[in-house]
Amino acid sequence: MTNLLETERLIIRTWIPERDAEQAFVIYSDPEVTHFLGKASLVTSVESQRQRLIGNIERSHQRNNRTEFWAIVEKETTTGEWGVRGDGGDEGAGGAGEE
């Protein structure tokens, strides 16, 4: 696991599919979250979320990490996601799932 940033309360780190799939499913099965991300973001089970995380990580490595998404963790509770696109834009600033 790679922590990219850590504060007193939060950690931004790489996703760990085996560990994070359940909480990611809670986030990405919420219609208020997927409303802003589009229907392609909708997941129907913890296993489909795990597979999506694995696929996202694999695609990121194939693109030489030009696009990466990281978990935002409240010292052991995944609270959202933040990412950077290869074209310099950022995705999810503030974190999906964060109020």
PDB file of N, CA and C in Angstrom:
ATOM      1  N   MET A   1       0.848  -1.175   0.000  1.00  0.00           N
ATOM      2  CA  MET A   1       0.000   0.000   0.000  1.00  0.00           C
ATOM      3  C   MET A   1       0.888   1.230   0.000  1.00  0.00           C
ATOM      4  N   THR A   2       0.508   2.193  -0.845  1.00  0.00           N
ATOM      5  CA  THR A   2       1.254   3.430  -0.939  1.00  0.00           C
ATOM      6  C   THR A   2       0.395   4.580  -0.433  1.00  0.00           C
ATOM      7  N   ASN A   3       0.835   5.227   0.642  1.00  0.00           N
ATOM      8  CA  ASN A   3       0.183   6.441   1.113  1.00  0.00           C
ATOM      9  C   ASN A   3       0.794   7.613   0.372  1.00  0.00           C
ATOM     10  N   LEU A   4      -0.048   8.381  -0.312  1.00  0.00           N
ATOM     11  CA  LEU A   4       0.437   9.547  -1.036  1.00  0.00           C
ATOM     12  C   LEU A   4       0.455  10.781  -0.153  1.00  0.00           C
ATOM     13  N   LEU A   5      -0.491  10.835   0.765  1.00  0.00           N
ATOM     14  CA  LEU A   5      -0.598  11.986   1.644  1.00  0.00           C
ATOM     15  C   LEU A   5      -1.276  11.532   2.926  1.00  0.00           C
ATOM     16  N   GLU A   6      -0.806  12.035   4.046  1.00  0.00           N
ATOM     17  CA  GLU A   6      -1.426  11.702   5.317  1.00  0.00           C
ATOM     18  C   GLU A   6      -1.496  12.957   6.174  1.00  0.00           C
ATOM     19  N   THR A   7      -2.675  13.174   6.751  1.00  0.00           N
ATOM     20  CA  THR A   7      -2.870  14.262   7.699  1.00  0.00           C
ATOM     21  C   THR A   7      -3.237  13.629   9.040  1.00  0.00           C
ATOM     22  N   GLU A   8      -3.537  14.455   9.992  1.00  0.00           N
ATOM     23  CA  GLU A   8      -3.937  13.941  11.300  1.00  0.00           C
ATOM     24  C   GLU A   8      -5.184  13.057  11.196  1.00  0.00           C
ATOM     25  N   ARG A   9      -6.077  13.373  10.243  1.00  0.00           N
ATOM     26  CA  ARG A   9      -7.354  12.677  10.142  1.00  0.00           C
ATOM     27  C   ARG A   9      -7.496  11.803   8.900  1.00  0.00           C
ATOM     28  N   LEU A  10      -6.843  12.176   7.794  1.00  0.00           N
ATOM     29  CA  LEU A  10      -7.067  11.507   6.515  1.00  0.00           C
ATOM     30  C   LEU A  10      -5.794  10.902   5.934  1.00  0.00           C
ATOM     31  N   ILE A  11      -5.998   9.876   5.101  1.00  0.00           N
ATOM     32  CA  ILE A  11      -4.932   9.279   4.303  1.00  0.00           C
ATOM     33  C   ILE A  11      -5.438   9.223   2.865  1.00  0.00           C
ATOM     34  N   ILE A  12      -4.619   9.650   1.911  1.00  0.00           N
ATOM     35  CA  ILE A  12      -4.886   9.414   0.494  1.00  0.00           C
ATOM     36  C   ILE A  12      -3.913   8.334   0.078  1.00  0.00           C
ATOM     37  N   ARG A  13      -4.460   7.206  -0.399  1.00  0.00           N
ATOM     38  CA  ARG A  13      -3.616   6.053  -0.709  1.00  0.00           C
ATOM     39  C   ARG A  13      -4.176   5.306  -1.911  1.00  0.00           C
ATOM     40  N   THR A  14      -3.378   4.397  -2.410  1.00  0.00           N
ATOM     41  CA  THR A  14      -3.826   3.555  -3.507  1.00  0.00           C
ATOM     42  C   THR A  14      -4.978   2.675  -3.031  1.00  0.00           C
ATOM     43  N   TRP A  15      -5.875   2.340  -3.956  1.00  0.00           N
ATOM     44  CA  TRP A  15      -6.971   1.421  -3.650  1.00  0.00           C
ATOM     45  C   TRP A  15      -6.410   0.019  -3.426  1.00  0.00           C
ATOM     46  N   ILE A  16      -6.985  -0.711  -2.518  1.00  0.00           N
ATOM     47  CA  ILE A  16      -6.662  -2.113  -2.277  1.00  0.00           C
ATOM     48  C   ILE A  16      -7.971  -2.880  -2.491  1.00  0.00           C
ATOM     49  N   PRO A  17      -8.175  -3.455  -3.696  1.00  0.00           N
ATOM     50  CA  PRO A  17      -9.467  -4.043  -4.027  1.00  0.00           C
ATOM     51  C   PRO A  17      -9.996  -5.037  -2.996  1.00  0.00           C
ATOM     52  N   GLU A  18      -9.141  -5.902  -2.496  1.00  0.00           N
ATOM     53  CA  GLU A  18      -9.597  -6.924  -1.551  1.00  0.00           C
ATOM     54  C   GLU A  18     -10.085  -6.299  -0.247  1.00  0.00           C
ATOM     55  N   ARG A  19      -9.512  -5.185   0.109  1.00  0.00           N
ATOM     56  CA  ARG A  19      -9.838  -4.522   1.372  1.00  0.00           C
ATOM     57  C   ARG A  19     -10.907  -3.440   1.207  1.00  0.00           C
ATOM     58  N   ASP A  20     -10.924  -2.757   0.065  1.00  0.00           N
ATOM     59  CA  ASP A  20     -11.750  -1.572  -0.115  1.00  0.00           C
ATOM     60  C   ASP A  20     -13.047  -1.793  -0.880  1.00  0.00           C
ATOM     61  N   ALA A  21     -13.242  -2.963  -1.470  1.00  0.00           N
ATOM     62  CA  ALA A  21     -14.393  -3.167  -2.352  1.00  0.00           C
ATOM     63  C   ALA A  21     -15.724  -2.923  -1.651  1.00  0.00           C
ATOM     64  N   GLU A  22     -15.873  -3.376  -0.423  1.00  0.00           N
ATOM     65  CA  GLU A  22     -17.156  -3.218   0.264  1.00  0.00           C
ATOM     66  C   GLU A  22     -17.496  -1.738   0.491  1.00  0.00           C
ATOM     67  N   GLN A  23     -16.549  -0.978   0.977  1.00  0.00           N
ATOM     68  CA  GLN A  23     -16.818   0.444   1.212  1.00  0.00           C
ATOM     69  C   GLN A  23     -16.959   1.198  -0.108  1.00  0.00           C
ATOM     70  N   ALA A  24     -16.173   0.835  -1.119  1.00  0.00           N
ATOM     71  CA  ALA A  24     -16.314   1.465  -2.435  1.00  0.00           C
ATOM     72  C   ALA A  24     -17.705   1.179  -3.001  1.00  0.00           C
ATOM     73  N   PHE A  25     -18.215  -0.029  -2.772  1.00  0.00           N
ATOM     74  CA  PHE A  25     -19.563  -0.366  -3.223  1.00  0.00           C
ATOM     75  C   PHE A  25     -20.593   0.544  -2.556  1.00  0.00           C
ATOM     76  N   VAL A  26     -20.434   0.795  -1.272  1.00  0.00           N
ATOM     77  CA  VAL A  26     -21.358   1.696  -0.568  1.00  0.00           C
ATOM     78  C   VAL A  26     -21.339   3.077  -1.233  1.00  0.00           C
ATOM     79  N   ILE A  27     -20.161   3.558  -1.561  1.00  0.00           N
ATOM     80  CA  ILE A  27     -20.031   4.872  -2.182  1.00  0.00           C
ATOM     81  C   ILE A  27     -20.655   4.869  -3.575  1.00  0.00           C
ATOM     82  N   TYR A  28     -20.260   3.906  -4.425  1.00  0.00           N
ATOM     83  CA  TYR A  28     -20.656   3.915  -5.831  1.00  0.00           C
ATOM     84  C   TYR A  28     -22.014   3.293  -6.112  1.00  0.00           C
ATOM     85  N   SER A  29     -22.693   2.795  -5.096  1.00  0.00           N
ATOM     86  CA  SER A  29     -24.071   2.354  -5.294  1.00  0.00           C
ATOM     87  C   SER A  29     -25.046   3.438  -4.825  1.00  0.00           C
ATOM     88  N   ASP A  30     -24.525   4.554  -4.359  1.00  0.00           N
ATOM     89  CA  ASP A  30     -25.338   5.684  -3.914  1.00  0.00           C
ATOM     90  C   ASP A  30     -25.725   6.521  -5.136  1.00  0.00           C
ATOM     91  N   PRO A  31     -27.026   6.623  -5.432  1.00  0.00           N
ATOM     92  CA  PRO A  31     -27.462   7.400  -6.604  1.00  0.00           C
ATOM     93  C   PRO A  31     -27.010   8.863  -6.569  1.00  0.00           C
ATOM     94  N   GLU A  32     -26.844   9.435  -5.393  1.00  0.00           N
ATOM     95  CA  GLU A  32     -26.383  10.820  -5.312  1.00  0.00           C
ATOM     96  C   GLU A  32     -24.926  10.954  -5.776  1.00  0.00           C
ATOM     97  N   VAL A  33     -24.132   9.916  -5.614  1.00  0.00           N
ATOM     98  CA  VAL A  33     -22.751   9.917  -6.091  1.00  0.00           C
ATOM     99  C   VAL A  33     -22.724   9.635  -7.588  1.00  0.00           C
ATOM    100  N   THR A  34     -23.387   8.581  -8.019  1.00  0.00           N
ATOM    101  CA  THR A  34     -23.325   8.192  -9.426  1.00  0.00           C
ATOM    102  C   THR A  34     -24.032   9.182 -10.339  1.00  0.00           C
ATOM    103  N   HIS A  35     -24.923   9.985  -9.784  1.00  0.00           N
ATOM    104  CA  HIS A  35     -25.581  11.031 -10.577  1.00  0.00           C
ATOM    105  C   HIS A  35     -24.532  11.932 -11.234  1.00  0.00           C
ATOM    106  N   PHE A  36     -23.483  12.236 -10.533  1.00  0.00           N
ATOM    107  CA  PHE A  36     -22.446  13.130 -11.041  1.00  0.00           C
ATOM    108  C   PHE A  36     -21.387  12.386 -11.858  1.00  0.00           C
ATOM    109  N   LEU A  37     -21.329  11.072 -11.732  1.00  0.00           N
ATOM    110  CA  LEU A  37     -20.312  10.286 -12.424  1.00  0.00           C
ATOM    111  C   LEU A  37     -20.838   9.588 -13.667  1.00  0.00           C
ATOM    112  N   GLY A  38     -22.140   9.520 -13.817  1.00  0.00           N
ATOM    113  CA  GLY A  38     -22.750   8.865 -14.963  1.00  0.00           C
ATOM    114  C   GLY A  38     -23.124   7.429 -14.679  1.00  0.00           C
ATOM    115  N   LYS A  39     -24.015   6.890 -15.510  1.00  0.00           N
ATOM    116  CA  LYS A  39     -24.521   5.530 -15.302  1.00  0.00           C
ATOM    117  C   LYS A  39     -23.431   4.477 -15.394  1.00  0.00           C
ATOM    118  N   ALA A  40     -22.372   4.740 -16.133  1.00  0.00           N
ATOM    119  CA  ALA A  40     -21.279   3.762 -16.260  1.00  0.00           C
ATOM    120  C   ALA A  40     -20.607   3.507 -14.919  1.00  0.00           C
ATOM    121  N   SER A  41     -20.778   4.417 -13.972  1.00  0.00           N
ATOM    122  CA  SER A  41     -20.155   4.255 -12.659  1.00  0.00           C
ATOM    123  C   SER A  41     -20.966   3.360 -11.725  1.00  0.00           C
ATOM    124  N   LEU A  42     -22.219   3.077 -12.079  1.00  0.00           N
ATOM    125  CA  LEU A  42     -23.092   2.294 -11.217  1.00  0.00           C
ATOM    126  C   LEU A  42     -22.600   0.857 -11.109  1.00  0.00           C
ATOM    127  N   VAL A  43     -22.501   0.353  -9.893  1.00  0.00           N
ATOM    128  CA  VAL A  43     -22.120  -1.033  -9.648  1.00  0.00           C
ATOM    129  C   VAL A  43     -23.274  -1.731  -8.949  1.00  0.00           C
ATOM    130  N   THR A  44     -23.352  -3.054  -9.122  1.00  0.00           N
ATOM    131  CA  THR A  44     -24.506  -3.788  -8.609  1.00  0.00           C
ATOM    132  C   THR A  44     -24.166  -4.756  -7.489  1.00  0.00           C
ATOM    133  N   SER A  45     -22.876  -4.944  -7.205  1.00  0.00           N
ATOM    134  CA  SER A  45     -22.488  -5.865  -6.129  1.00  0.00           C
ATOM    135  C   SER A  45     -21.081  -5.534  -5.660  1.00  0.00           C
ATOM    136  N   VAL A  46     -20.744  -6.041  -4.492  1.00  0.00           N
ATOM    137  CA  VAL A  46     -19.390  -5.850  -3.967  1.00  0.00           C
ATOM    138  C   VAL A  46     -18.380  -6.486  -4.917  1.00  0.00           C
ATOM    139  N   GLU A  47     -18.707  -7.659  -5.451  1.00  0.00           N
ATOM    140  CA  GLU A  47     -17.771  -8.326  -6.367  1.00  0.00           C
ATOM    141  C   GLU A  47     -17.572  -7.522  -7.643  1.00  0.00           C
ATOM    142  N   SER A  48     -18.647  -6.938  -8.194  1.00  0.00           N
ATOM    143  CA  SER A  48     -18.466  -6.120  -9.401  1.00  0.00           C
ATOM    144  C   SER A  48     -17.639  -4.878  -9.080  1.00  0.00           C
ATOM    145  N   GLN A  49     -17.772  -4.338  -7.875  1.00  0.00           N
ATOM    146  CA  GLN A  49     -16.940  -3.198  -7.472  1.00  0.00           C
ATOM    147  C   GLN A  49     -15.485  -3.608  -7.343  1.00  0.00           C
ATOM    148  N   ARG A  50     -15.239  -4.779  -6.764  1.00  0.00           N
ATOM    149  CA  ARG A  50     -13.863  -5.287  -6.637  1.00  0.00           C
ATOM    150  C   ARG A  50     -13.234  -5.421  -8.025  1.00  0.00           C
ATOM    151  N   GLN A  51     -13.992  -5.995  -8.963  1.00  0.00           N
ATOM    152  CA  GLN A  51     -13.471  -6.168 -10.318  1.00  0.00           C
ATOM    153  C   GLN A  51     -13.221  -4.818 -10.989  1.00  0.00           C
ATOM    154  N   ARG A  52     -14.089  -3.850 -10.730  1.00  0.00           N
ATOM    155  CA  ARG A  52     -13.884  -2.512 -11.298  1.00  0.00           C
ATOM    156  C   ARG A  52     -12.611  -1.881 -10.744  1.00  0.00           C
ATOM    157  N   LEU A  53     -12.381  -1.999  -9.438  1.00  0.00           N
ATOM    158  CA  LEU A  53     -11.144  -1.457  -8.850  1.00  0.00           C
ATOM    159  C   LEU A  53      -9.918  -2.117  -9.471  1.00  0.00           C
ATOM    160  N   ILE A  54      -9.953  -3.440  -9.613  1.00  0.00           N
ATOM    161  CA  ILE A  54      -8.838  -4.167 -10.222  1.00  0.00           C
ATOM    162  C   ILE A  54      -8.616  -3.688 -11.651  1.00  0.00           C
ATOM    163  N   GLY A  55      -9.703  -3.559 -12.424  1.00  0.00           N
ATOM    164  CA  GLY A  55      -9.592  -3.091 -13.808  1.00  0.00           C
ATOM    165  C   GLY A  55      -9.042  -1.675 -13.897  1.00  0.00           C
ATOM    166  N   ASN A  56      -9.500  -0.799 -13.014  1.00  0.00           N
ATOM    167  CA  ASN A  56      -8.992   0.579 -13.011  1.00  0.00           C
ATOM    168  C   ASN A  56      -7.496   0.625 -12.725  1.00  0.00           C
ATOM    169  N   ILE A  57      -7.049  -0.183 -11.778  1.00  0.00           N
ATOM    170  CA  ILE A  57      -5.620  -0.235 -11.449  1.00  0.00           C
ATOM    171  C   ILE A  57      -4.819  -0.763 -12.633  1.00  0.00           C
ATOM    172  N   GLU A  58      -5.309  -1.826 -13.277  1.00  0.00           N
ATOM    173  CA  GLU A  58      -4.611  -2.397 -14.430  1.00  0.00           C
ATOM    174  C   GLU A  58      -4.533  -1.396 -15.576  1.00  0.00           C
ATOM    175  N   ARG A  59      -5.641  -0.696 -15.868  1.00  0.00           N
ATOM    176  CA  ARG A  59      -5.634   0.301 -16.949  1.00  0.00           C
ATOM    177  C   ARG A  59      -4.675   1.449 -16.632  1.00  0.00           C
ATOM    178  N   SER A  60      -4.624   1.839 -15.380  1.00  0.00           N
ATOM    179  CA  SER A  60      -3.711   2.912 -14.989  1.00  0.00           C
ATOM    180  C   SER A  60      -2.266   2.511 -15.255  1.00  0.00           C
ATOM    181  N   HIS A  61      -1.920   1.282 -14.912  1.00  0.00           N
ATOM    182  CA  HIS A  61      -0.556   0.811 -15.155  1.00  0.00           C
ATOM    183  C   HIS A  61      -0.260   0.694 -16.646  1.00  0.00           C
ATOM    184  N   GLN A  62      -1.244   0.296 -17.439  1.00  0.00           N
ATOM    185  CA  GLN A  62      -1.044   0.191 -18.889  1.00  0.00           C
ATOM    186  C   GLN A  62      -0.813   1.563 -19.512  1.00  0.00           C
ATOM    187  N   ARG A  63      -1.407   2.599 -18.933  1.00  0.00           N
ATOM    188  CA  ARG A  63      -1.232   3.968 -19.443  1.00  0.00           C
ATOM    189  C   ARG A  63      -0.041   4.648 -18.797  1.00  0.00           C
ATOM    190  N   ASN A  64       0.811   3.869 -18.148  1.00  0.00           N
ATOM    191  CA  ASN A  64       1.976   4.434 -17.465  1.00  0.00           C
ATOM    192  C   ASN A  64       1.563   5.447 -16.404  1.00  0.00           C
ATOM    193  N   ASN A  65       0.485   5.120 -15.694  1.00  0.00           N
ATOM    194  CA  ASN A  65      -0.012   5.940 -14.588  1.00  0.00           C
ATOM    195  C   ASN A  65      -0.389   7.361 -14.997  1.00  0.00           C
ATOM    196  N   ARG A  66      -0.820   7.544 -16.243  1.00  0.00           N
ATOM    197  CA  ARG A  66      -1.258   8.875 -16.669  1.00  0.00           C
ATOM    198  C   ARG A  66      -2.574   9.265 -16.000  1.00  0.00           C
ATOM    199  N   THR A  67      -3.354   8.298 -15.587  1.00  0.00           N
ATOM    200  CA  THR A  67      -4.581   8.563 -14.847  1.00  0.00           C
ATOM    201  C   THR A  67      -4.568   7.669 -13.631  1.00  0.00           C
ATOM    202  N   GLU A  68      -4.822   8.222 -12.501  1.00  0.00           N
ATOM    203  CA  GLU A  68      -4.788   7.440 -11.264  1.00  0.00           C
ATOM    204  C   GLU A  68      -5.876   7.950 -10.340  1.00  0.00           C
ATOM    205  N   PHE A  69      -6.493   7.036  -9.619  1.00  0.00           N
ATOM    206  CA  PHE A  69      -7.483   7.392  -8.613  1.00  0.00           C
ATOM    207  C   PHE A  69      -7.048   6.786  -7.296  1.00  0.00           C
ATOM    208  N   TRP A  70      -7.186   7.545  -6.235  1.00  0.00           N
ATOM    209  CA  TRP A  70      -6.746   7.098  -4.925  1.00  0.00           C
ATOM    210  C   TRP A  70      -7.909   7.101  -3.950  1.00  0.00           C
ATOM    211  N   ALA A  71      -7.845   6.228  -2.989  1.00  0.00           N
ATOM    212  CA  ALA A  71      -8.849   6.184  -1.928  1.00  0.00           C
ATOM    213  C   ALA A  71      -8.562   7.293  -0.929  1.00  0.00           C
ATOM    214  N   ILE A  72      -9.623   7.907  -0.435  1.00  0.00           N
ATOM    215  CA  ILE A  72      -9.517   8.859   0.666  1.00  0.00           C
ATOM    216  C   ILE A  72     -10.027   8.128   1.895  1.00  0.00           C
ATOM    217  N   VAL A  73      -9.147   7.956   2.861  1.00  0.00           N
ATOM    218  CA  VAL A  73      -9.455   7.128   4.022  1.00  0.00           C
ATOM    219  C   VAL A  73      -9.410   7.986   5.280  1.00  0.00           C
ATOM    220  N   GLU A  74     -10.442   7.847   6.081  1.00  0.00           N
ATOM    221  CA  GLU A  74     -10.453   8.527   7.366  1.00  0.00           C
ATOM    222  C   GLU A  74      -9.856   7.565   8.382  1.00  0.00           C
ATOM    223  N   LYS A  75      -8.537   7.462   8.353  1.00  0.00           N
ATOM    224  CA  LYS A  75      -7.755   6.594   9.244  1.00  0.00           C
ATOM    225  C   LYS A  75      -8.382   5.205   9.405  1.00  0.00           C
ATOM    226  N   GLU A  76      -8.809   4.588   8.349  1.00  0.00           N
ATOM    227  CA  GLU A  76      -9.303   3.208   8.260  1.00  0.00           C
ATOM    228  C   GLU A  76     -10.727   3.098   7.771  1.00  0.00           C
ATOM    229  N   THR A  77     -11.391   4.183   7.430  1.00  0.00           N
ATOM    230  CA  THR A  77     -12.712   4.108   6.818  1.00  0.00           C
ATOM    231  C   THR A  77     -12.643   4.838   5.493  1.00  0.00           C
ATOM    232  N   THR A  78     -12.814   4.144   4.369  1.00  0.00           N
ATOM    233  CA  THR A  78     -12.754   4.776   3.061  1.00  0.00           C
ATOM    234  C   THR A  78     -13.921   5.745   2.938  1.00  0.00           C
ATOM    235  N   THR A  79     -13.622   7.016   2.645  1.00  0.00           N
ATOM    236  CA  THR A  79     -14.672   8.021   2.578  1.00  0.00           C
ATOM    237  C   THR A  79     -14.878   8.587   1.184  1.00  0.00           C
ATOM    238  N   GLY A  80     -13.991   8.314   0.252  1.00  0.00           N
ATOM    239  CA  GLY A  80     -14.169   8.857  -1.082  1.00  0.00           C
ATOM    240  C   GLY A  80     -13.001   8.553  -1.983  1.00  0.00           C
ATOM    241  N   GLU A  81     -12.922   9.298  -3.089  1.00  0.00           N
ATOM    242  CA  GLU A  81     -11.900   9.071  -4.095  1.00  0.00           C
ATOM    243  C   GLU A  81     -11.471  10.404  -4.669  1.00  0.00           C
ATOM    244  N   TRP A  82     -10.209  10.479  -5.075  1.00  0.00           N
ATOM    245  CA  TRP A  82      -9.671  11.646  -5.745  1.00  0.00           C
ATOM    246  C   TRP A  82      -8.773  11.143  -6.853  1.00  0.00           C
ATOM    247  N   GLY A  83      -8.732  11.852  -7.979  1.00  0.00           N
ATOM    248  CA  GLY A  83      -7.903  11.384  -9.075  1.00  0.00           C
ATOM    249  C   GLY A  83      -7.338  12.519  -9.895  1.00  0.00           C
ATOM    250  N   VAL A  84      -6.354  12.183 -10.712  1.00  0.00           N
ATOM    251  CA  VAL A  84      -5.730  13.127 -11.624  1.00  0.00           C
ATOM    252  C   VAL A  84      -5.671  12.473 -12.989  1.00  0.00           C
ATOM    253  N   ARG A  85      -6.141  13.198 -14.009  1.00  0.00           N
ATOM    254  CA  ARG A  85      -6.064  12.710 -15.382  1.00  0.00           C
ATOM    255  C   ARG A  85      -4.720  13.077 -15.974  1.00  0.00           C
ATOM    256  N   GLY A  86      -4.302  12.323 -16.980  1.00  0.00           N
ATOM    257  CA  GLY A  86      -3.030  12.575 -17.642  1.00  0.00           C
ATOM    258  C   GLY A  86      -2.959  13.915 -18.341  1.00  0.00           C
ATOM    259  N   ASP A  87      -4.119  14.518 -18.656  1.00  0.00           N
ATOM    260  CA  ASP A  87      -4.113  15.815 -19.327  1.00  0.00           C
ATOM    261  C   ASP A  87      -4.024  16.977 -18.345  1.00  0.00           C
ATOM    262  N   GLY A  88      -3.805  16.652 -17.062  1.00  0.00           N
ATOM    263  CA  GLY A  88      -3.632  17.691 -16.057  1.00  0.00           C
ATOM    264  C   GLY A  88      -4.901  18.066 -15.319  1.00  0.00           C
ATOM    265  N   GLY A  89      -6.066  17.609 -15.803  1.00  0.00           N
ATOM    266  CA  GLY A  89      -7.314  17.891 -15.103  1.00  0.00           C
ATOM    267  C   GLY A  89      -7.429  17.011 -13.877  1.00  0.00           C
ATOM    268  N   ASP A  90      -8.233  17.425 -12.920  1.00  0.00           N
ATOM    269  CA  ASP A  90      -8.434  16.545 -11.777  1.00  0.00           C
ATOM    270  C   ASP A  90      -9.868  16.053 -11.770  1.00  0.00           C
ATOM    271  N   GLU A  91     -10.039  14.871 -11.222  1.00  0.00           N
ATOM    272  CA  GLU A  91     -11.329  14.199 -11.160  1.00  0.00           C
ATOM    273  C   GLU A  91     -11.697  14.018  -9.706  1.00  0.00           C
ATOM    274  N   GLY A  92     -12.893  14.302  -9.380  1.00  0.00           N
ATOM    275  CA  GLY A  92     -13.367  14.012  -8.039  1.00  0.00           C
ATOM    276  C   GLY A  92     -12.749  14.877  -6.965  1.00  0.00           C
ATOM    277  N   ALA A  93     -12.281  16.050  -7.297  1.00  0.00           N
ATOM    278  CA  ALA A  93     -11.702  16.905  -6.269  1.00  0.00           C
ATOM    279  C   ALA A  93     -12.721  17.088  -5.159  1.00  0.00           C
ATOM    280  N   GLY A  94     -12.320  16.821  -3.963  1.00  0.00           N
ATOM    281  CA  GLY A  94     -13.238  16.858  -2.834  1.00  0.00           C
ATOM    282  C   GLY A  94     -13.678  15.467  -2.463  1.00  0.00           C
ATOM    283  N   GLY A  95     -13.577  14.547  -3.380  1.00  0.00           N
ATOM    284  CA  GLY A  95     -13.852  13.151  -3.078  1.00  0.00           C
ATOM    285  C   GLY A  95     -15.279  12.740  -3.328  1.00  0.00           C
ATOM    286  N   ALA A  96     -15.455  11.731  -4.138  1.00  0.00           N
ATOM    287  CA  ALA A  96     -16.782  11.153  -4.318  1.00  0.00           C
ATOM    288  C   ALA A  96     -17.225  10.575  -2.990  1.00  0.00           C
ATOM    289  N   GLY A  97     -18.437  10.827  -2.627  1.00  0.00           N
ATOM    290  CA  GLY A  97     -18.954  10.301  -1.382  1.00  0.00           C
ATOM    291  C   GLY A  97     -18.793  11.246  -0.213  1.00  0.00           C
ATOM    292  N   GLU A  98     -18.047  12.317  -0.399  1.00  0.00           N
ATOM    293  CA  GLU A  98     -17.856  13.266   0.674  1.00  0.00           C
ATOM    294  C   GLU A  98     -18.945  14.322   0.613  1.00  0.00           C
ATOM    295  N   GLU A  99     -19.463  14.761   1.717  1.00  0.00           N
ATOM    296  CA  GLU A  99     -20.536  15.751   1.732  1.00  0.00           C
ATOM    297  C   GLU A  99     -19.998  17.139   1.867  1.00  0.00           C
TER     298      GLU A  99
END
